[in-house]
Amino acid sequence: MEYAVICAASLIASGLTLFSGFGLGTLLMPVFALFFPVNVAVALTALVHFLNNLFKLALLGKHADRAAVVRFGFPAIGSAFLGAWTLLWLSAMEPLFRYDMGGRTFSVEPVKLVVSFLMVLFALTEVMPWGKKVSFEAKYLPLGGLLSGFFGGLTGHQGALRSAFLIRYGLSKETFIATGVVIACLVDFTRLSVYGTHLASFGSGNRPLLAAATLFAFLGAFLGKFLLKKVTLHGVQMVVAAMLFVIALALGAGLI
């Protein structure tokens, strides 16, 4: 069951994120969280995200704007370290409280509560009119890198902030996409260096699942290049946001 759900999410999200600049981590992380602890889910999503971005880098990387990469990407590297270490710190904390329901005991953990809150926040930016209008002047690119890198390291939600800051930089569509891919690769590589212990504990028996999710992400990016320019994303965004709300509430309540 997890193969079907995770591979389908990886395929769809990868295709969508090629044009929006974000979406793969937003959709795939909570799907992984249905089957694995949230800190492991973030780490696994980071690995799929990184490998998929390397694939997109080969397709589009030549169009990246070097100045934007330096001004946004370099600050993001340092803050991604901080965000990733914050995730590890939260993961090591004891549950806030436990409760019984239906003959089972559930734990409300700090890491799940924080990730749950941020999932709701980023879901709102996907569907609310004010979220679609958010953008920042080009002079704030370094600040955008700091914020995007930190939340990328903490939960994987880096793309929405990155797009909000880059959208006002005057880039063409191809350059906007390529620049975002380069920056995402920098953040992913940084946070993966911190997540190493969680990936090591994933287990060899589950590696085929990770490989399948990565291959379907590649396929989604490849198909997205040809098929998704004509697709209206509003309906998909609404479905994704609704799923994020449901999973966020379940995470925050300790149900998953």
Protein backbone atom coordinates (compact mmCIF):
# COMPACT_ATOMS: atom_id res chain seq x y z
CA MET A 1 0.00 0.00 0.00
CA GLU A 2 2.78 2.43 0.90
CA TYR A 3 4.40 1.85 -2.50
CA ALA A 4 1.26 2.92 -4.37
CA VAL A 5 0.58 5.98 -2.20
CA ILE A 6 4.16 7.26 -2.02
CA CYS A 7 4.96 6.66 -5.70
CA ALA A 8 1.72 8.34 -6.84
CA ALA A 9 2.40 11.35 -4.60
CA SER A 10 5.97 11.54 -5.87
CA LEU A 11 4.89 11.45 -9.53
CA ILE A 12 2.17 14.08 -9.21
CA ALA A 13 4.07 16.43 -6.92
CA SER A 14 7.23 16.32 -9.02
CA GLY A 15 5.32 17.28 -12.15
CA LEU A 16 3.59 20.17 -10.42
CA THR A 17 6.70 21.53 -8.74
CA LEU A 18 8.56 21.84 -12.05
CA PHE A 19 6.47 24.90 -12.85
CA SER A 20 5.41 26.24 -9.47
CA GLY A 21 8.94 26.11 -8.02
CA PHE A 22 7.65 24.19 -5.00
CA GLY A 23 5.34 21.33 -4.13
CA LEU A 24 7.29 18.06 -4.02
CA GLY A 25 8.38 18.35 -0.39
CA THR A 26 5.04 19.89 0.63
CA LEU A 27 3.09 16.90 -0.65
CA LEU A 28 5.55 14.03 -0.24
CA MET A 29 6.68 14.67 3.36
CA PRO A 30 3.22 14.15 4.94
CA VAL A 31 2.73 11.02 2.80
CA PHE A 32 5.99 9.57 4.13
CA ALA A 33 4.81 10.62 7.60
CA LEU A 34 1.86 8.24 7.28
CA PHE A 35 4.27 5.30 7.32
CA PHE A 36 7.41 6.54 9.16
CA PRO A 37 8.29 8.78 12.15
CA VAL A 38 8.11 12.45 11.19
CA ASN A 39 11.86 13.07 11.50
CA VAL A 40 12.56 10.09 9.22
CA ALA A 41 9.82 11.30 6.84
CA VAL A 42 11.53 14.71 6.54
CA ALA A 43 14.89 13.04 5.87
CA LEU A 44 13.49 10.68 3.24
CA THR A 45 11.68 13.51 1.51
CA ALA A 46 14.91 15.50 1.48
CA LEU A 47 16.73 12.68 -0.29
CA VAL A 48 14.02 12.22 -2.95
CA HIS A 49 13.81 16.00 -3.31
CA PHE A 50 17.59 16.31 -3.77
CA LEU A 51 17.87 13.52 -6.34
CA ASN A 52 14.88 14.88 -8.25
CA ASN A 53 16.41 18.37 -8.23
CA LEU A 54 19.67 16.97 -9.61
CA PHE A 55 17.63 15.50 -12.46
CA LYS A 56 15.92 18.85 -13.08
CA LEU A 57 19.30 20.55 -12.84
CA ALA A 58 20.47 18.45 -15.79
CA LEU A 59 17.37 19.50 -17.73
CA LEU A 60 17.32 23.22 -16.92
CA GLY A 61 20.40 24.20 -14.89
CA LYS A 62 22.08 26.20 -17.65
CA HIS A 63 19.40 28.90 -17.32
CA ALA A 64 20.15 29.68 -13.63
CA ASP A 65 20.98 33.24 -12.60
CA ARG A 66 24.31 33.16 -10.77
CA ALA A 67 23.80 36.43 -8.90
CA ALA A 68 20.48 35.26 -7.48
CA VAL A 69 22.01 31.91 -6.51
CA VAL A 70 24.79 33.69 -4.58
CA ARG A 71 22.56 36.26 -2.88
CA PHE A 72 19.84 33.76 -1.92
CA GLY A 73 21.58 30.38 -1.87
CA PHE A 74 24.60 31.13 0.31
CA PRO A 75 22.57 32.49 3.26
CA ALA A 76 20.23 29.51 2.84
CA ILE A 77 23.07 27.04 3.37
CA GLY A 78 23.89 28.29 6.88
CA SER A 79 20.28 28.54 7.99
CA ALA A 80 19.51 25.07 6.56
CA PHE A 81 22.10 23.66 8.96
CA LEU A 82 20.34 25.44 11.82
CA GLY A 83 16.91 24.21 10.75
CA ALA A 84 18.10 20.62 10.38
CA TRP A 85 19.75 20.62 13.80
CA THR A 86 16.56 22.09 15.26
CA LEU A 87 14.66 19.11 13.82
CA LEU A 88 17.09 16.70 15.49
CA TRP A 89 16.79 18.60 18.77
CA LEU A 90 12.99 18.49 18.68
CA SER A 91 13.03 14.80 17.74
CA ALA A 92 15.06 13.97 20.86
CA MET A 93 12.60 15.68 23.23
CA GLU A 94 10.20 13.70 25.37
CA PRO A 95 6.47 13.75 24.48
CA LEU A 96 4.54 16.68 25.90
CA PHE A 97 1.77 14.36 27.08
CA ARG A 98 0.06 11.05 26.32
CA TYR A 99 -3.60 10.09 26.16
CA ASP A 100 -5.68 6.96 25.59
CA MET A 101 -8.33 6.58 22.91
CA GLY A 102 -9.95 3.46 21.53
CA GLY A 103 -7.76 1.20 23.60
CA ARG A 104 -4.55 2.76 22.24
CA THR A 105 -2.09 5.23 23.71
CA PHE A 106 -1.08 8.27 21.64
CA SER A 107 1.80 10.68 22.24
CA VAL A 108 1.86 14.39 21.42
CA GLU A 109 5.50 15.04 20.55
CA PRO A 110 7.14 18.47 20.16
CA VAL A 111 8.53 17.68 16.69
CA LYS A 112 5.12 16.59 15.41
CA LEU A 113 3.43 19.62 16.93
CA VAL A 114 5.89 22.05 15.28
CA VAL A 115 5.73 20.32 11.90
CA SER A 116 1.94 20.18 12.14
CA PHE A 117 1.71 23.93 12.76
CA LEU A 118 4.03 24.73 9.86
CA MET A 119 2.15 22.40 7.51
CA VAL A 120 -1.08 24.28 8.26
CA LEU A 121 0.68 27.62 7.74
CA PHE A 122 2.14 26.64 4.37
CA ALA A 123 -1.14 25.04 3.28
CA LEU A 124 -2.86 28.37 3.92
CA THR A 125 -0.37 30.18 1.70
CA GLU A 126 -1.26 27.72 -1.08
CA VAL A 127 -5.00 28.39 -1.11
CA MET A 128 -5.68 31.80 0.41
CA PRO A 129 -5.74 34.82 -1.93
CA TRP A 130 -3.25 36.74 0.24
CA GLY A 131 -0.81 33.85 0.02
CA LYS A 132 -0.72 33.98 -3.77
CA LYS A 133 0.05 37.72 -3.73
CA VAL A 134 2.98 37.55 -1.33
CA SER A 135 6.27 38.66 -2.86
CA PHE A 136 9.29 40.65 -1.71
CA GLU A 137 11.59 43.19 -3.30
CA ALA A 138 14.86 41.92 -4.74
CA LYS A 139 16.91 43.64 -2.02
CA TYR A 140 15.51 41.15 0.50
CA LEU A 141 16.94 38.09 -1.27
CA PRO A 142 19.48 37.32 1.51
CA LEU A 143 16.69 37.44 4.10
CA GLY A 144 14.66 35.11 1.90
CA GLY A 145 17.57 32.71 1.78
CA LEU A 146 17.83 32.67 5.57
CA LEU A 147 14.11 31.99 6.03
CA SER A 148 13.76 29.47 3.21
CA GLY A 149 16.88 27.59 4.27
CA PHE A 150 15.80 27.36 7.91
CA PHE A 151 12.33 26.04 7.18
CA GLY A 152 13.76 23.78 4.50
CA GLY A 153 16.07 22.25 7.09
CA LEU A 154 13.34 21.99 9.72
CA THR A 155 10.41 20.60 7.72
CA GLY A 156 11.36 20.63 4.03
CA HIS A 157 8.99 23.52 3.30
CA GLN A 158 11.47 25.74 1.49
CA GLY A 159 10.03 26.26 -1.99
CA ALA A 160 7.08 28.53 -1.26
CA LEU A 161 9.27 31.09 0.50
CA ARG A 162 11.95 30.79 -2.17
CA SER A 163 9.42 31.50 -4.91
CA ALA A 164 7.95 34.45 -3.02
CA PHE A 165 11.37 36.13 -2.87
CA LEU A 166 12.59 35.22 -6.37
CA ILE A 167 9.40 36.19 -8.18
CA ARG A 168 10.25 39.91 -7.96
CA TYR A 169 13.84 39.48 -9.17
CA GLY A 170 12.89 39.99 -12.84
CA LEU A 171 13.81 36.50 -14.03
CA SER A 172 12.40 34.80 -17.11
CA LYS A 173 10.31 31.68 -16.59
CA GLU A 174 13.16 29.34 -17.49
CA THR A 175 15.65 31.25 -15.34
CA PHE A 176 13.23 31.41 -12.40
CA ILE A 177 12.76 27.64 -12.48
CA ALA A 178 16.46 26.87 -12.96
CA THR A 179 17.59 29.28 -10.24
CA GLY A 180 15.14 27.73 -7.79
CA VAL A 181 16.44 24.26 -8.65
CA VAL A 182 20.07 25.24 -7.99
CA ILE A 183 19.19 26.83 -4.64
CA ALA A 184 17.07 23.84 -3.65
CA CYS A 185 20.01 21.53 -4.39
CA LEU A 186 22.23 23.59 -2.08
CA VAL A 187 19.70 23.45 0.75
CA ASP A 188 18.98 19.74 0.24
CA PHE A 189 22.66 18.81 0.25
CA THR A 190 23.18 20.81 3.43
CA ARG A 191 20.29 19.31 5.36
CA LEU A 192 21.04 15.78 4.18
CA SER A 193 24.49 16.06 5.76
CA VAL A 194 22.71 16.61 9.08
CA TYR A 195 19.94 14.04 8.54
CA GLY A 196 22.46 11.25 7.93
CA THR A 197 21.69 9.34 11.14
CA HIS A 198 17.97 9.18 10.31
CA LEU A 199 18.66 7.93 6.79
CA ALA A 200 21.07 5.31 8.17
CA SER A 201 18.31 4.00 10.45
CA PHE A 202 15.88 3.72 7.53
CA GLY A 203 16.88 0.09 6.92
CA SER A 204 17.94 -1.76 3.78
CA GLY A 205 14.52 -3.42 3.51
CA ASN A 206 12.89 -0.07 2.77
CA ARG A 207 15.43 1.16 0.24
CA PRO A 208 13.45 -0.19 -2.75
CA LEU A 209 10.59 2.06 -1.64
CA LEU A 210 12.92 5.07 -1.62
CA ALA A 211 14.28 4.12 -5.05
CA ALA A 212 10.75 3.76 -6.44
CA ALA A 213 9.70 7.16 -5.07
CA THR A 214 12.78 8.74 -6.64
CA LEU A 215 12.15 7.13 -10.04
CA PHE A 216 8.54 8.28 -10.03
CA ALA A 217 9.71 11.79 -9.13
CA PHE A 218 12.03 11.68 -12.16
CA LEU A 219 9.12 10.56 -14.33
CA GLY A 220 6.93 13.35 -12.97
CA ALA A 221 9.56 15.98 -13.76
CA PHE A 222 10.06 14.57 -17.25
CA LEU A 223 6.34 14.45 -18.03
CA GLY A 224 5.78 17.82 -16.42
CA LYS A 225 8.13 19.45 -18.89
CA PHE A 226 5.81 18.45 -21.74
CA LEU A 227 2.33 18.07 -20.27
CA LEU A 228 1.67 20.43 -17.37
CA LYS A 229 1.95 23.81 -19.06
CA LYS A 230 -1.74 23.57 -19.93
CA VAL A 231 -2.93 22.31 -16.57
CA THR A 232 -4.78 24.60 -14.16
CA LEU A 233 -3.25 24.03 -10.75
CA HIS A 234 -5.91 25.64 -8.57
CA GLY A 235 -7.97 22.48 -8.10
CA VAL A 236 -4.89 20.41 -7.35
CA GLN A 237 -3.70 23.01 -4.84
CA MET A 238 -7.03 22.82 -3.03
CA VAL A 239 -6.87 19.03 -2.78
CA VAL A 240 -3.26 19.14 -1.59
CA ALA A 241 -4.08 21.82 0.99
CA ALA A 242 -7.02 19.80 2.31
CA MET A 243 -4.81 16.73 2.68
CA LEU A 244 -2.16 18.79 4.45
CA PHE A 245 -4.73 20.08 6.93
CA VAL A 246 -5.98 16.58 7.73
CA ILE A 247 -2.49 15.09 8.13
CA ALA A 248 -1.29 18.12 10.10
CA LEU A 249 -4.12 17.74 12.59
CA ALA A 250 -3.42 14.00 12.90
CA LEU A 251 0.29 14.69 13.44
CA GLY A 252 -0.34 17.38 16.03
CA ALA A 253 -2.74 15.10 17.90
CA GLY A 254 -0.20 12.26 17.90
CA LEU A 255 -2.47 9.98 15.83
CA ILE A 256 0.30 9.32 13.27
